C-alpha atoms as a PDB file:
ATOM      1  CA  MET A   1     -36.061  -3.002  30.344  1.00  0.00           C
ATOM      2  CA  GLN A   2     -37.810  -5.704  29.164  1.00  0.00           C
ATOM      3  CA  GLY A   3     -41.201  -3.713  28.949  1.00  0.00           C
ATOM      4  CA  LYS A   4     -40.029  -0.822  27.220  1.00  0.00           C
ATOM      5  CA  SER A   5     -38.895  -2.696  24.614  1.00  0.00           C
ATOM      6  CA  ILE A   6     -42.175  -4.918  24.076  1.00  0.00           C
ATOM      7  CA  GLN A   7     -43.898  -1.307  23.850  1.00  0.00           C
ATOM      8  CA  TYR A   8     -41.267  -0.152  21.448  1.00  0.00           C
ATOM      9  CA  GLN A   9     -42.093  -3.273  19.245  1.00  0.00           C
ATOM     10  CA  LYS A  10     -45.564  -2.802  19.668  1.00  0.00           C
ATOM     11  CA  LEU A  11     -45.700   1.050  18.412  1.00  0.00           C
ATOM     12  CA  LEU A  12     -42.853   0.179  15.709  1.00  0.00           C
ATOM     13  CA  GLY A  13     -45.085  -2.395  14.089  1.00  0.00           C
ATOM     14  CA  LYS A  14     -48.225   0.059  14.438  1.00  0.00           C
ATOM     15  CA  TRP A  15     -46.231   2.916  12.799  1.00  0.00           C
ATOM     16  CA  SER A  16     -44.820   0.709  10.092  1.00  0.00           C
ATOM     17  CA  LYS A  17     -48.277  -0.693   9.401  1.00  0.00           C
ATOM     18  CA  LYS A  18     -49.750   2.998   9.236  1.00  0.00           C
ATOM     19  CA  HIS A  19     -46.907   4.176   6.928  1.00  0.00           C
ATOM     20  CA  ARG A  20     -47.583   1.683   4.348  1.00  0.00           C
ATOM     21  CA  ASP A  21     -51.313   2.100   4.775  1.00  0.00           C
ATOM     22  CA  LEU A  22     -50.740   5.802   3.585  1.00  0.00           C
ATOM     23  CA  GLN A  23     -48.114   5.222   1.140  1.00  0.00           C
ATOM     24  CA  ARG A  24     -50.713   2.657  -0.453  1.00  0.00           C
ATOM     25  CA  ASN A  25     -53.451   5.236  -0.322  1.00  0.00           C
ATOM     26  CA  ILE A  26     -51.351   7.903  -2.227  1.00  0.00           C
ATOM     27  CA  PHE A  27     -49.998   5.729  -4.466  1.00  0.00           C
ATOM     28  CA  GLU A  28     -53.898   4.552  -5.386  1.00  0.00           C
ATOM     29  CA  LYS A  29     -55.170   8.464  -5.479  1.00  0.00           C
ATOM     30  CA  HIS A  30     -52.408   9.684  -7.518  1.00  0.00           C
ATOM     31  CA  LYS A  31     -51.463   6.947  -9.805  1.00  0.00           C
ATOM     32  CA  GLU A  32     -52.092   9.138 -12.987  1.00  0.00           C
ATOM     33  CA  ALA A  33     -49.451  11.548 -11.528  1.00  0.00           C
ATOM     34  CA  PHE A  34     -47.021   9.080 -10.918  1.00  0.00           C
ATOM     35  CA  ASP A  35     -47.340   7.532 -14.156  1.00  0.00           C
ATOM     36  CA  TRP A  36     -46.914  10.585 -15.726  1.00  0.00           C
ATOM     37  CA  LEU A  37     -43.835  11.161 -13.887  1.00  0.00           C
ATOM     38  CA  GLU A  38     -42.405   7.715 -15.127  1.00  0.00           C
ATOM     39  CA  ASN A  39     -43.241   8.421 -18.528  1.00  0.00           C
ATOM     40  CA  ASN A  40     -41.985  12.002 -18.858  1.00  0.00           C
ATOM     41  CA  SER A  41     -38.754  12.040 -16.813  1.00  0.00           C
ATOM     42  CA  LYS A  42     -36.882  13.614 -19.614  1.00  0.00           C
ATOM     43  CA  GLN A  43     -39.169  16.359 -20.117  1.00  0.00           C
ATOM     44  CA  LEU A  44     -39.000  17.304 -16.233  1.00  0.00           C
ATOM     45  CA  ALA A  45     -35.289  17.084 -15.993  1.00  0.00           C
ATOM     46  CA  VAL A  46     -35.180  19.249 -19.555  1.00  0.00           C
ATOM     47  CA  GLY A  47     -37.443  21.925 -17.960  1.00  0.00           C
ATOM     48  CA  SER A  48     -35.541  21.808 -14.726  1.00  0.00           C
ATOM     49  CA  ILE A  49     -32.418  22.887 -16.753  1.00  0.00           C
ATOM     50  CA  ALA A  50     -34.053  25.318 -18.822  1.00  0.00           C
ATOM     51  CA  GLY A  51     -35.558  26.791 -15.597  1.00  0.00           C
ATOM     52  CA  LEU A  52     -31.911  27.083 -13.914  1.00  0.00           C
ATOM     53  CA  PHE A  53     -30.687  28.884 -17.224  1.00  0.00           C
ATOM     54  CA  MET A  54     -33.518  31.173 -17.240  1.00  0.00           C
ATOM     55  CA  LEU A  55     -32.572  32.054 -13.299  1.00  0.00           C
ATOM     56  CA  THR A  56     -28.971  32.526 -14.044  1.00  0.00           C
ATOM     57  CA  ASN A  57     -29.764  34.892 -17.193  1.00  0.00           C
ATOM     58  CA  PRO A  58     -30.158  38.001 -15.062  1.00  0.00           C
ATOM     59  CA  ILE A  59     -26.582  37.984 -13.909  1.00  0.00           C
ATOM     60  CA  VAL A  60     -24.952  38.743 -17.118  1.00  0.00           C
ATOM     61  CA  PRO A  61     -25.878  42.267 -17.856  1.00  0.00           C
ATOM     62  CA  GLN A  62     -24.762  43.022 -13.946  1.00  0.00           C
ATOM     63  CA  ILE A  63     -20.905  41.761 -14.930  1.00  0.00           C
ATOM     64  CA  PRO A  64     -19.240  45.339 -14.391  1.00  0.00           C
ATOM     65  CA  ALA A  65     -18.103  46.764 -17.613  1.00  0.00           C
ATOM     66  CA  SER A  66     -14.426  47.400 -16.516  1.00  0.00           C
ATOM     67  CA  PHE A  67     -14.303  43.359 -16.151  1.00  0.00           C
ATOM     68  CA  SER A  68     -15.228  43.188 -19.817  1.00  0.00           C
ATOM     69  CA  ALA A  69     -12.803  45.895 -20.794  1.00  0.00           C
ATOM     70  CA  ASN A  70     -10.162  44.208 -19.542  1.00  0.00           C
ATOM     71  CA  LEU A  71     -10.746  41.013 -20.892  1.00  0.00           C
ATOM     72  CA  ALA A  72     -10.731  42.804 -24.753  1.00  0.00           C
ATOM     73  CA  LYS A  73      -7.496  44.671 -23.586  1.00  0.00           C
ATOM     74  CA  GLU A  74      -5.512  41.344 -23.724  1.00  0.00           C
ATOM     75  CA  GLU A  75      -2.750  40.932 -26.067  1.00  0.00           C
ATOM     76  CA  PRO A  76      -2.904  38.330 -28.731  1.00  0.00           C
ATOM     77  CA  PHE A  77      -0.549  35.371 -28.001  1.00  0.00           C
ATOM     78  CA  ASP A  78       2.328  34.773 -30.516  1.00  0.00           C
ATOM     79  CA  LYS A  79       1.313  31.914 -32.762  1.00  0.00           C
ATOM     80  CA  ARG A  80       4.987  31.256 -33.707  1.00  0.00           C
ATOM     81  CA  VAL A  81       5.435  29.376 -30.093  1.00  0.00           C
ATOM     82  CA  PHE A  82       2.730  26.872 -31.455  1.00  0.00           C
ATOM     83  CA  LEU A  83       4.385  26.532 -34.732  1.00  0.00           C
ATOM     84  CA  VAL A  84       7.625  25.528 -33.104  1.00  0.00           C
ATOM     85  CA  PHE A  85       6.165  23.142 -30.775  1.00  0.00           C
ATOM     86  CA  ASP A  86       4.181  21.550 -33.814  1.00  0.00           C
ATOM     87  CA  LEU A  87       7.188  21.543 -35.857  1.00  0.00           C
ATOM     88  CA  LYS A  88       9.483  20.183 -32.886  1.00  0.00           C
ATOM     89  CA  ASN A  89       7.176  17.508 -32.395  1.00  0.00           C
ATOM     90  CA  VAL A  90       7.474  16.476 -36.298  1.00  0.00           C
ATOM     91  CA  LEU A  91      11.071  17.167 -37.343  1.00  0.00           C
ATOM     92  CA  PRO A  92      13.583  14.549 -36.647  1.00  0.00           C
ATOM     93  CA  SER A  93      16.253  15.108 -33.732  1.00  0.00           C
ATOM     94  CA  ASP A  94      19.247  14.714 -35.909  1.00  0.00           C
ATOM     95  CA  VAL A  95      20.104  16.613 -39.149  1.00  0.00           C
ATOM     96  CA  ARG A  96      19.075  14.425 -42.408  1.00  0.00           C
ATOM     97  CA  PRO A  97      16.844  14.492 -45.291  1.00  0.00           C
ATOM     98  CA  LEU A  98      13.217  14.217 -44.375  1.00  0.00           C
ATOM     99  CA  THR A  99      11.199  10.839 -45.089  1.00  0.00           C
ATOM    100  CA  LEU A 100       8.157  11.319 -47.291  1.00  0.00           C
ATOM    101  CA  ASP A 101       5.952  10.903 -44.063  1.00  0.00           C
ATOM    102  CA  GLU A 102       7.790  13.397 -42.075  1.00  0.00           C
ATOM    103  CA  GLU A 103       7.824  15.999 -45.462  1.00  0.00           C
ATOM    104  CA  ALA A 104       3.702  15.299 -45.301  1.00  0.00           C
ATOM    105  CA  LYS A 105       3.673  16.308 -41.632  1.00  0.00           C
ATOM    106  CA  VAL A 106       5.879  19.398 -41.904  1.00  0.00           C
ATOM    107  CA  THR A 107       3.829  20.443 -44.924  1.00  0.00           C
ATOM    108  CA  GLU A 108       0.506  19.872 -43.125  1.00  0.00           C
ATOM    109  CA  VAL A 109       1.730  21.742 -40.104  1.00  0.00           C
ATOM    110  CA  LEU A 110       3.198  24.990 -42.476  1.00  0.00           C
ATOM    111  CA  SER A 111      -0.315  24.697 -44.268  1.00  0.00           C
ATOM    112  CA  ARG A 112      -2.582  24.939 -41.021  1.00  0.00           C
ATOM    113  CA  THR A 113      -0.631  27.969 -39.539  1.00  0.00           C
ATOM    114  CA  PHE A 114       0.298  30.068 -42.365  1.00  0.00           C
ATOM    115  CA  GLY A 115      -3.262  29.009 -44.375  1.00  0.00           C
ATOM    116  CA  ILE A 116      -1.568  27.842 -47.271  1.00  0.00           C
ATOM    117  CA  HIS A 117      -3.378  25.216 -49.107  1.00  0.00           C
ATOM    118  CA  THR A 118      -1.323  22.775 -51.649  1.00  0.00           C
END
């Protein structure tokens, strides 16, 4: 058991040294490439993202026409629902005259909903 451990330690040391030497040689031979990569990492990321967009682009024409026709047939939503919700948040819960601030908020909601500019 002890002999295998010594052999393992020798191989580990030998392979670790070989790995460090190879790594150092690669860094020395290709220093310019690593420097470029360090200085232009943003360009590399943007190029990769642009490539992904170009790869996914041909999928768009293959979407079935029936799917896009169904999207066009959807009925528009009722804007009154939003008006009621907005007014509910602005108006007081009890019946009383509005304050100037409340009146301004109601005016803003109505102007935004109906496109009336005062």
